[in-house]
Structures are given as C-alpha cells and as structure tokens.
Amino acid sequence: MAIKVKRVYDASAKSDGYRVLAERIWSRGLKKSEARIDEWLKEIAPSTSLRKWFKHDPRKWNQFKRKYVAELKEHREEVEQLACEFRKRSVTLLFGSKDSAHNNAVALEEYLERTAE
C-alpha cells in the first residue's frame, strides 16, 4: 500500500485511508471533531527538544532527519505498528507545519519506506 503526507488543516478525502497525526502537540485552531484523525501517535513524533531545535529550518533538515531517526529507533514497537498499517492499506501521515517539504511527517514517511524494503 501507500504512505501519503498531508497537512492536517487540508480537507480529508476518502483516498487518505488511515489518517495518522504524527505530532506531539495538537495543531492550533483545529477542532478534534473536524480533523478526522484515526490515530494520534504522539510517541513517534519528534521530542519537544528536537522540535524546538529544528524550528523547520531547511538548513537543519538533514541533521534533523538523522536525529529523528535515532528517536524513532527508541520507539520500535509503535513504528512497527504503523508500518503494519501501511502494509495493509493506504496511510496518510498528517502534519501541522506550514512547510510541506521539511517536517516530521515527510521524515517519517522516508524512514518507513526505507525500513519496509
């Protein structure tokens, strides 16, 4: 199956499949009832210290991904659970950032695709 990445503020679609919020904190201004989230995986979101260090700075992107992968390795069970989902059906990883290219959902998607091979 496929993994997609989408901003949580964007309208949900049937093609999204299983919608997973991969953020440690809830997105500002978004009602939980309107978000259409199937699962909120706070545990595999970047730590608060990593998120604050990164600040969505594209110059720190590669270093952020390395540090985030190190954190993901500490949560193998949760990551494997998510990997099992995307092997069964389409999964959309949701993020709150305005930067659609440099965010933890993109890094998580890359990691899941690499480890699933």
C-alpha atoms as a PDB file:
ATOM      1  CA  MET A   1       0.000   0.000   0.000  1.00  0.00           C
ATOM      2  CA  ALA A   2       0.976   3.643   0.006  1.00  0.00           C
ATOM      3  CA  ILE A   3       2.023   6.264   2.508  1.00  0.00           C
ATOM      4  CA  LYS A   4       0.949   9.821   1.821  1.00  0.00           C
ATOM      5  CA  VAL A   5       1.770  13.025   3.642  1.00  0.00           C
ATOM      6  CA  LYS A   6      -0.747  15.802   4.083  1.00  0.00           C
ATOM      7  CA  ARG A   7      -1.218  18.911   6.167  1.00  0.00           C
ATOM      8  CA  VAL A   8      -3.743  18.269   8.921  1.00  0.00           C
ATOM      9  CA  TYR A   9      -5.548  21.513   8.051  1.00  0.00           C
ATOM     10  CA  ASP A  10      -6.262  20.300   4.499  1.00  0.00           C
ATOM     11  CA  ALA A  11      -9.644  18.718   3.815  1.00  0.00           C
ATOM     12  CA  SER A  12      -9.782  14.987   4.370  1.00  0.00           C
ATOM     13  CA  ALA A  13     -10.516  12.691   1.445  1.00  0.00           C
ATOM     14  CA  LYS A  14     -11.667   9.115   1.194  1.00  0.00           C
ATOM     15  CA  SER A  15      -8.393   8.327  -0.619  1.00  0.00           C
ATOM     16  CA  ASP A  16      -6.467   9.309   2.543  1.00  0.00           C
ATOM     17  CA  GLY A  17      -7.188   5.907   4.015  1.00  0.00           C
ATOM     18  CA  TYR A  18      -5.988   5.588   7.611  1.00  0.00           C
ATOM     19  CA  ARG A  19      -5.217   9.111   8.884  1.00  0.00           C
ATOM     20  CA  VAL A  20      -2.438   9.387  11.456  1.00  0.00           C
ATOM     21  CA  LEU A  21      -1.405  12.591  13.195  1.00  0.00           C
ATOM     22  CA  ALA A  22       2.347  12.372  13.770  1.00  0.00           C
ATOM     23  CA  GLU A  23       2.695  15.405  16.028  1.00  0.00           C
ATOM     24  CA  ARG A  24       3.465  15.673  19.744  1.00  0.00           C
ATOM     25  CA  ILE A  25       1.111  18.607  20.281  1.00  0.00           C
ATOM     26  CA  TRP A  26      -2.331  19.243  18.822  1.00  0.00           C
ATOM     27  CA  SER A  27      -2.444  21.637  15.878  1.00  0.00           C
ATOM     28  CA  ARG A  28      -3.550  25.134  16.776  1.00  0.00           C
ATOM     29  CA  GLY A  29      -7.089  26.175  15.845  1.00  0.00           C
ATOM     30  CA  LEU A  30      -8.150  22.689  14.753  1.00  0.00           C
ATOM     31  CA  LYS A  31     -11.114  21.013  16.410  1.00  0.00           C
ATOM     32  CA  LYS A  32     -10.601  17.325  17.092  1.00  0.00           C
ATOM     33  CA  SER A  33     -14.074  16.605  15.759  1.00  0.00           C
ATOM     34  CA  GLU A  34     -13.202  18.212  12.400  1.00  0.00           C
ATOM     35  CA  ALA A  35      -9.742  16.680  11.970  1.00  0.00           C
ATOM     36  CA  ARG A  36     -10.928  13.177  11.023  1.00  0.00           C
ATOM     37  CA  ILE A  37      -7.928  11.541  12.678  1.00  0.00           C
ATOM     38  CA  ASP A  38      -7.907   7.763  13.039  1.00  0.00           C
ATOM     39  CA  GLU A  39      -4.897   7.730  15.344  1.00  0.00           C
ATOM     40  CA  TRP A  40      -2.722  10.289  17.088  1.00  0.00           C
ATOM     41  CA  LEU A  41       0.806   8.910  17.525  1.00  0.00           C
ATOM     42  CA  LYS A  42       2.457  11.363  19.920  1.00  0.00           C
ATOM     43  CA  GLU A  43       5.064   8.762  20.879  1.00  0.00           C
ATOM     44  CA  ILE A  44       6.698   8.715  17.448  1.00  0.00           C
ATOM     45  CA  ALA A  45       6.620  12.453  16.922  1.00  0.00           C
ATOM     46  CA  PRO A  46       9.919  14.304  17.433  1.00  0.00           C
ATOM     47  CA  SER A  47      10.737  15.123  21.032  1.00  0.00           C
ATOM     48  CA  THR A  48       9.991  18.624  22.225  1.00  0.00           C
ATOM     49  CA  SER A  49      13.701  19.449  22.390  1.00  0.00           C
ATOM     50  CA  LEU A  50      14.293  18.221  18.810  1.00  0.00           C
ATOM     51  CA  ARG A  51      11.254  20.092  17.513  1.00  0.00           C
ATOM     52  CA  LYS A  52      12.360  23.330  19.187  1.00  0.00           C
ATOM     53  CA  TRP A  53      15.936  22.919  17.917  1.00  0.00           C
ATOM     54  CA  PHE A  54      14.798  22.296  14.332  1.00  0.00           C
ATOM     55  CA  LYS A  55      12.245  25.154  14.056  1.00  0.00           C
ATOM     56  CA  HIS A  56      11.546  23.959  10.478  1.00  0.00           C
ATOM     57  CA  ASP A  57      14.848  25.435   9.328  1.00  0.00           C
ATOM     58  CA  PRO A  58      15.636  23.851   5.920  1.00  0.00           C
ATOM     59  CA  ARG A  59      19.377  24.257   6.638  1.00  0.00           C
ATOM     60  CA  LYS A  60      18.987  21.801   9.554  1.00  0.00           C
ATOM     61  CA  TRP A  61      16.865  19.315   7.561  1.00  0.00           C
ATOM     62  CA  ASN A  62      19.433  16.529   7.081  1.00  0.00           C
ATOM     63  CA  GLN A  63      20.638  16.757  10.660  1.00  0.00           C
ATOM     64  CA  PHE A  64      17.038  16.809  11.887  1.00  0.00           C
ATOM     65  CA  LYS A  65      16.272  13.610   9.959  1.00  0.00           C
ATOM     66  CA  ARG A  66      19.285  11.822  11.478  1.00  0.00           C
ATOM     67  CA  LYS A  67      18.318  12.885  14.998  1.00  0.00           C
ATOM     68  CA  TYR A  68      14.669  11.987  14.420  1.00  0.00           C
ATOM     69  CA  VAL A  69      15.580   8.518  13.129  1.00  0.00           C
ATOM     70  CA  ALA A  70      17.597   7.986  16.313  1.00  0.00           C
ATOM     71  CA  GLU A  71      14.477   8.863  18.324  1.00  0.00           C
ATOM     72  CA  LEU A  72      12.301   6.589  16.190  1.00  0.00           C
ATOM     73  CA  LYS A  73      14.608   3.672  16.968  1.00  0.00           C
ATOM     74  CA  GLU A  74      13.673   4.128  20.639  1.00  0.00           C
ATOM     75  CA  HIS A  75      10.013   3.528  19.697  1.00  0.00           C
ATOM     76  CA  ARG A  76      10.356   0.428  17.538  1.00  0.00           C
ATOM     77  CA  GLU A  77       7.059  -1.080  18.662  1.00  0.00           C
ATOM     78  CA  GLU A  78       4.991   1.969  17.723  1.00  0.00           C
ATOM     79  CA  VAL A  79       6.846   2.388  14.420  1.00  0.00           C
ATOM     80  CA  GLU A  80       6.313  -1.281  13.549  1.00  0.00           C
ATOM     81  CA  GLN A  81       2.613  -0.936  14.372  1.00  0.00           C
ATOM     82  CA  LEU A  82       2.373   1.952  11.904  1.00  0.00           C
ATOM     83  CA  ALA A  83       4.371   0.015   9.301  1.00  0.00           C
ATOM     84  CA  CYS A  84       1.891  -2.858   9.621  1.00  0.00           C
ATOM     85  CA  GLU A  85      -0.958  -0.440   8.887  1.00  0.00           C
ATOM     86  CA  PHE A  86       0.576   0.854   5.678  1.00  0.00           C
ATOM     87  CA  ARG A  87       1.262  -2.683   4.501  1.00  0.00           C
ATOM     88  CA  LYS A  88      -2.487  -3.366   4.744  1.00  0.00           C
ATOM     89  CA  ARG A  89      -3.982  -0.105   3.482  1.00  0.00           C
ATOM     90  CA  SER A  90      -3.245   3.454   2.475  1.00  0.00           C
ATOM     91  CA  VAL A  91      -1.989   5.619   5.301  1.00  0.00           C
ATOM     92  CA  THR A  92      -1.805   9.400   5.378  1.00  0.00           C
ATOM     93  CA  LEU A  93       0.653  10.962   7.811  1.00  0.00           C
ATOM     94  CA  LEU A  94      -0.645  14.316   8.943  1.00  0.00           C
ATOM     95  CA  PHE A  95       1.480  17.280   9.999  1.00  0.00           C
ATOM     96  CA  GLY A  96       0.734  20.781  11.230  1.00  0.00           C
ATOM     97  CA  SER A  97       3.663  22.765   9.813  1.00  0.00           C
ATOM     98  CA  LYS A  98       3.257  25.281   7.012  1.00  0.00           C
ATOM     99  CA  ASP A  99       6.411  23.839   5.404  1.00  0.00           C
ATOM    100  CA  SER A 100       5.261  20.862   3.358  1.00  0.00           C
ATOM    101  CA  ALA A 101       8.792  19.749   2.437  1.00  0.00           C
ATOM    102  CA  HIS A 102      10.621  19.953   5.786  1.00  0.00           C
ATOM    103  CA  ASN A 103       8.503  18.413   8.519  1.00  0.00           C
ATOM    104  CA  ASN A 104       8.463  15.296  10.661  1.00  0.00           C
ATOM    105  CA  ALA A 105       5.762  13.548   8.590  1.00  0.00           C
ATOM    106  CA  VAL A 106       7.993  13.726   5.498  1.00  0.00           C
ATOM    107  CA  ALA A 107      10.946  12.406   7.515  1.00  0.00           C
ATOM    108  CA  LEU A 108       8.754   9.643   8.981  1.00  0.00           C
ATOM    109  CA  GLU A 109       7.491   8.672   5.532  1.00  0.00           C
ATOM    110  CA  GLU A 110      11.074   8.375   4.251  1.00  0.00           C
ATOM    111  CA  TYR A 111      12.043   6.276   7.262  1.00  0.00           C
ATOM    112  CA  LEU A 112       9.067   3.923   6.934  1.00  0.00           C
ATOM    113  CA  GLU A 113       9.654   3.423   3.224  1.00  0.00           C
ATOM    114  CA  ARG A 114      13.357   2.671   3.808  1.00  0.00           C
ATOM    115  CA  THR A 115      12.744   0.221   6.629  1.00  0.00           C
ATOM    116  CA  ALA A 116       9.889  -1.560   4.854  1.00  0.00           C
ATOM    117  CA  GLU A 117      12.082  -2.636   1.944  1.00  0.00           C
END
